[in-house]
N, C-alpha and C. Protein backbone atom coordinates (compact mmCIF):
# COMPACT_ATOMS: atom_id res chain seq x y z
N UNK A 1 0.85 -1.17 0.00
CA UNK A 1 0.00 0.00 0.00
C UNK A 1 0.89 1.24 0.00
N UNK A 2 0.74 2.05 -0.99
CA UNK A 2 1.45 3.33 -1.05
C UNK A 2 0.60 4.38 -0.39
N UNK A 3 1.20 5.29 0.34
CA UNK A 3 0.42 6.33 0.99
C UNK A 3 1.00 7.69 0.76
N UNK A 4 0.14 8.68 0.84
CA UNK A 4 0.52 10.07 0.69
C UNK A 4 -0.36 10.87 1.62
N UNK A 5 0.23 11.78 2.36
CA UNK A 5 -0.53 12.59 3.31
C UNK A 5 -0.33 14.06 3.01
N UNK A 6 -1.39 14.83 3.12
CA UNK A 6 -1.33 16.27 2.88
C UNK A 6 -2.21 16.97 3.90
N UNK A 7 -1.71 18.03 4.49
CA UNK A 7 -2.50 18.81 5.44
C UNK A 7 -3.01 20.05 4.74
N UNK A 8 -4.32 20.25 4.82
CA UNK A 8 -4.94 21.42 4.18
C UNK A 8 -5.91 22.04 5.16
N UNK A 9 -6.45 23.17 4.81
CA UNK A 9 -7.51 23.79 5.61
C UNK A 9 -8.71 23.97 4.71
N UNK A 10 -9.87 23.64 5.25
CA UNK A 10 -11.11 23.79 4.48
C UNK A 10 -11.45 25.27 4.39
N UNK A 11 -12.51 25.57 3.67
CA UNK A 11 -12.92 26.97 3.45
C UNK A 11 -13.12 27.74 4.75
N UNK A 12 -13.58 27.06 5.80
CA UNK A 12 -13.81 27.77 7.06
C UNK A 12 -12.60 27.75 7.99
N UNK A 13 -11.44 27.23 7.49
CA UNK A 13 -10.21 27.25 8.27
C UNK A 13 -10.01 26.05 9.17
N UNK A 14 -10.95 25.09 9.16
CA UNK A 14 -10.78 23.92 10.02
C UNK A 14 -9.75 22.97 9.42
N UNK A 15 -8.95 22.34 10.28
CA UNK A 15 -7.89 21.45 9.77
C UNK A 15 -8.48 20.22 9.11
N UNK A 16 -7.96 19.88 7.96
CA UNK A 16 -8.42 18.74 7.19
C UNK A 16 -7.18 18.06 6.62
N UNK A 17 -7.05 16.76 6.84
CA UNK A 17 -5.93 16.01 6.27
C UNK A 17 -6.43 15.11 5.18
N UNK A 18 -5.60 14.93 4.18
CA UNK A 18 -5.93 14.09 3.03
C UNK A 18 -4.88 12.99 2.95
N UNK A 19 -5.34 11.74 2.94
CA UNK A 19 -4.47 10.58 2.82
C UNK A 19 -4.82 9.86 1.52
N UNK A 20 -3.85 9.70 0.63
CA UNK A 20 -4.10 9.05 -0.65
C UNK A 20 -3.41 7.69 -0.66
N UNK A 21 -4.19 6.67 -0.98
CA UNK A 21 -3.71 5.30 -1.10
C UNK A 21 -3.98 4.80 -2.51
N UNK A 22 -3.57 3.57 -2.82
CA UNK A 22 -3.72 3.05 -4.18
C UNK A 22 -5.18 3.06 -4.65
N UNK A 23 -6.11 2.64 -3.80
CA UNK A 23 -7.48 2.49 -4.26
C UNK A 23 -8.49 3.40 -3.58
N UNK A 24 -8.04 4.24 -2.67
CA UNK A 24 -8.98 5.17 -2.02
C UNK A 24 -8.23 6.37 -1.45
N UNK A 25 -8.99 7.41 -1.19
CA UNK A 25 -8.50 8.61 -0.54
C UNK A 25 -9.33 8.81 0.72
N UNK A 26 -8.66 9.19 1.82
CA UNK A 26 -9.37 9.49 3.05
C UNK A 26 -9.21 10.97 3.35
N UNK A 27 -10.30 11.64 3.68
CA UNK A 27 -10.29 13.01 4.17
C UNK A 27 -10.61 12.92 5.65
N UNK A 28 -9.75 13.50 6.50
CA UNK A 28 -9.91 13.36 7.95
C UNK A 28 -9.85 14.74 8.59
N UNK A 29 -10.83 15.02 9.45
CA UNK A 29 -10.87 16.28 10.20
C UNK A 29 -10.99 15.95 11.68
N UNK A 30 -10.16 16.58 12.50
CA UNK A 30 -10.21 16.41 13.96
C UNK A 30 -10.92 17.62 14.55
N UNK A 31 -12.12 17.41 15.05
CA UNK A 31 -12.92 18.50 15.61
C UNK A 31 -12.76 18.63 17.12
N UNK A 32 -11.89 17.83 17.71
CA UNK A 32 -11.69 17.89 19.15
C UNK A 32 -12.58 16.89 19.87
N UNK A 33 -12.62 17.00 21.17
CA UNK A 33 -13.36 16.06 22.01
C UNK A 33 -14.85 16.39 22.01
N UNK A 34 -15.52 16.07 20.91
CA UNK A 34 -16.96 16.33 20.78
C UNK A 34 -17.65 15.08 20.27
N UNK A 35 -18.92 14.96 20.57
CA UNK A 35 -19.76 13.92 20.00
C UNK A 35 -20.64 14.57 18.95
N UNK A 36 -20.95 13.81 17.91
CA UNK A 36 -21.80 14.36 16.86
C UNK A 36 -22.12 13.33 15.81
N UNK A 37 -22.64 13.81 14.70
CA UNK A 37 -23.01 12.94 13.58
C UNK A 37 -22.50 13.54 12.28
N UNK A 38 -22.37 12.70 11.27
CA UNK A 38 -22.00 13.16 9.94
C UNK A 38 -22.90 12.46 8.93
N UNK A 39 -23.38 13.22 7.94
CA UNK A 39 -24.21 12.71 6.85
C UNK A 39 -23.67 13.21 5.53
N UNK A 40 -23.84 12.42 4.48
CA UNK A 40 -23.47 12.82 3.13
C UNK A 40 -24.73 13.22 2.38
N UNK A 41 -24.73 14.45 1.83
CA UNK A 41 -25.88 14.94 1.08
C UNK A 41 -25.38 15.72 -0.14
N UNK A 42 -25.66 15.20 -1.33
CA UNK A 42 -25.36 15.90 -2.59
C UNK A 42 -23.96 16.50 -2.65
N UNK A 43 -22.93 15.70 -2.43
CA UNK A 43 -21.55 16.18 -2.54
C UNK A 43 -21.05 16.99 -1.36
N UNK A 44 -21.78 16.93 -0.24
CA UNK A 44 -21.38 17.66 0.95
C UNK A 44 -21.47 16.74 2.17
N UNK A 45 -20.45 16.77 3.01
CA UNK A 45 -20.51 16.10 4.30
C UNK A 45 -20.98 17.13 5.31
N UNK A 46 -22.06 16.82 6.02
CA UNK A 46 -22.62 17.73 7.01
C UNK A 46 -22.37 17.12 8.39
N UNK A 47 -21.62 17.85 9.21
CA UNK A 47 -21.26 17.39 10.55
C UNK A 47 -21.99 18.26 11.56
N UNK A 48 -22.70 17.62 12.49
CA UNK A 48 -23.43 18.33 13.53
C UNK A 48 -22.87 17.89 14.89
N UNK A 49 -22.41 18.88 15.67
CA UNK A 49 -21.90 18.62 17.02
C UNK A 49 -22.55 19.62 17.97
N UNK A 50 -23.40 19.12 18.85
CA UNK A 50 -24.10 20.03 19.76
C UNK A 50 -24.90 21.04 18.95
N UNK A 51 -24.63 22.33 19.15
CA UNK A 51 -25.31 23.38 18.40
C UNK A 51 -24.55 23.86 17.19
N UNK A 52 -23.40 23.23 16.88
CA UNK A 52 -22.57 23.65 15.74
C UNK A 52 -22.78 22.74 14.54
N UNK A 53 -22.63 23.33 13.36
CA UNK A 53 -22.72 22.56 12.13
C UNK A 53 -21.55 22.94 11.23
N UNK A 54 -20.89 21.94 10.66
CA UNK A 54 -19.78 22.13 9.73
C UNK A 54 -20.13 21.45 8.42
N UNK A 55 -19.69 22.04 7.32
CA UNK A 55 -19.93 21.43 6.01
C UNK A 55 -18.62 21.35 5.25
N UNK A 56 -18.38 20.18 4.64
CA UNK A 56 -17.19 19.94 3.83
C UNK A 56 -17.65 19.49 2.45
N UNK A 57 -17.16 20.13 1.41
CA UNK A 57 -17.39 19.61 0.06
C UNK A 57 -16.60 18.32 -0.07
N UNK A 58 -17.22 17.31 -0.68
CA UNK A 58 -16.53 16.03 -0.87
C UNK A 58 -16.50 15.71 -2.35
N UNK A 59 -15.42 15.05 -2.80
CA UNK A 59 -15.30 14.74 -4.22
C UNK A 59 -16.25 13.62 -4.65
N UNK A 60 -16.44 13.51 -5.96
CA UNK A 60 -17.23 12.41 -6.52
C UNK A 60 -16.59 11.10 -6.12
N UNK A 61 -17.38 10.09 -5.92
CA UNK A 61 -16.86 8.79 -5.52
C UNK A 61 -16.86 8.58 -4.02
N UNK A 62 -17.34 9.57 -3.26
CA UNK A 62 -17.38 9.42 -1.81
C UNK A 62 -18.35 8.31 -1.46
N UNK A 63 -17.86 7.33 -0.69
CA UNK A 63 -18.68 6.17 -0.40
C UNK A 63 -19.19 6.12 1.03
N UNK A 64 -18.47 6.77 1.96
CA UNK A 64 -18.88 6.66 3.35
C UNK A 64 -18.26 7.78 4.16
N UNK A 65 -18.98 8.22 5.19
CA UNK A 65 -18.47 9.21 6.14
C UNK A 65 -18.84 8.72 7.54
N UNK A 66 -17.86 8.75 8.45
CA UNK A 66 -18.10 8.32 9.82
C UNK A 66 -17.50 9.34 10.78
N UNK A 67 -18.03 9.37 12.00
CA UNK A 67 -17.48 10.24 13.05
C UNK A 67 -17.33 9.41 14.31
N UNK A 68 -16.13 9.46 14.91
CA UNK A 68 -15.85 8.73 16.12
C UNK A 68 -14.94 9.57 17.01
N UNK A 69 -15.41 9.92 18.20
CA UNK A 69 -14.63 10.72 19.16
C UNK A 69 -14.12 12.03 18.56
N UNK A 70 -14.94 12.69 17.79
CA UNK A 70 -14.56 13.98 17.23
C UNK A 70 -13.73 13.91 15.96
N UNK A 71 -13.43 12.70 15.47
CA UNK A 71 -12.67 12.52 14.23
C UNK A 71 -13.65 12.17 13.12
N UNK A 72 -13.69 13.00 12.08
CA UNK A 72 -14.54 12.74 10.92
C UNK A 72 -13.67 12.14 9.83
N UNK A 73 -14.08 10.97 9.33
CA UNK A 73 -13.36 10.29 8.26
C UNK A 73 -14.29 10.13 7.07
N UNK A 74 -13.84 10.60 5.91
CA UNK A 74 -14.61 10.51 4.68
C UNK A 74 -13.83 9.66 3.69
N UNK A 75 -14.43 8.57 3.22
CA UNK A 75 -13.78 7.64 2.32
C UNK A 75 -14.20 7.92 0.88
N UNK A 76 -13.20 8.07 0.01
CA UNK A 76 -13.45 8.34 -1.41
C UNK A 76 -12.78 7.23 -2.21
N UNK A 77 -13.56 6.48 -2.98
CA UNK A 77 -13.01 5.42 -3.81
C UNK A 77 -12.32 6.01 -5.03
N UNK A 78 -11.19 5.38 -5.41
CA UNK A 78 -10.47 5.81 -6.60
C UNK A 78 -11.25 5.36 -7.83
N UNK A 79 -11.60 6.30 -8.69
CA UNK A 79 -12.40 5.99 -9.87
C UNK A 79 -11.55 5.95 -11.14
N UNK A 80 -10.23 5.91 -10.98
CA UNK A 80 -9.35 5.85 -12.16
C UNK A 80 -9.44 4.53 -12.86
């Protein structure tokens, strides 16, 4: 498995890391010690934590988004 990691900031300045592997890409955001949910809707990941809401644009091929202990992981399948 080949890997590549890149640290970026989303439009609202929140830290977002991108990990690229042979057959998938992972987008990971650490929101801190919060509980919440994440849903995928029309090319957008919507994260709700308490009274806050965050939105991340996600690329085509996004297959799943999960949130565990404040870590949001978005899986994107390689469509090459």
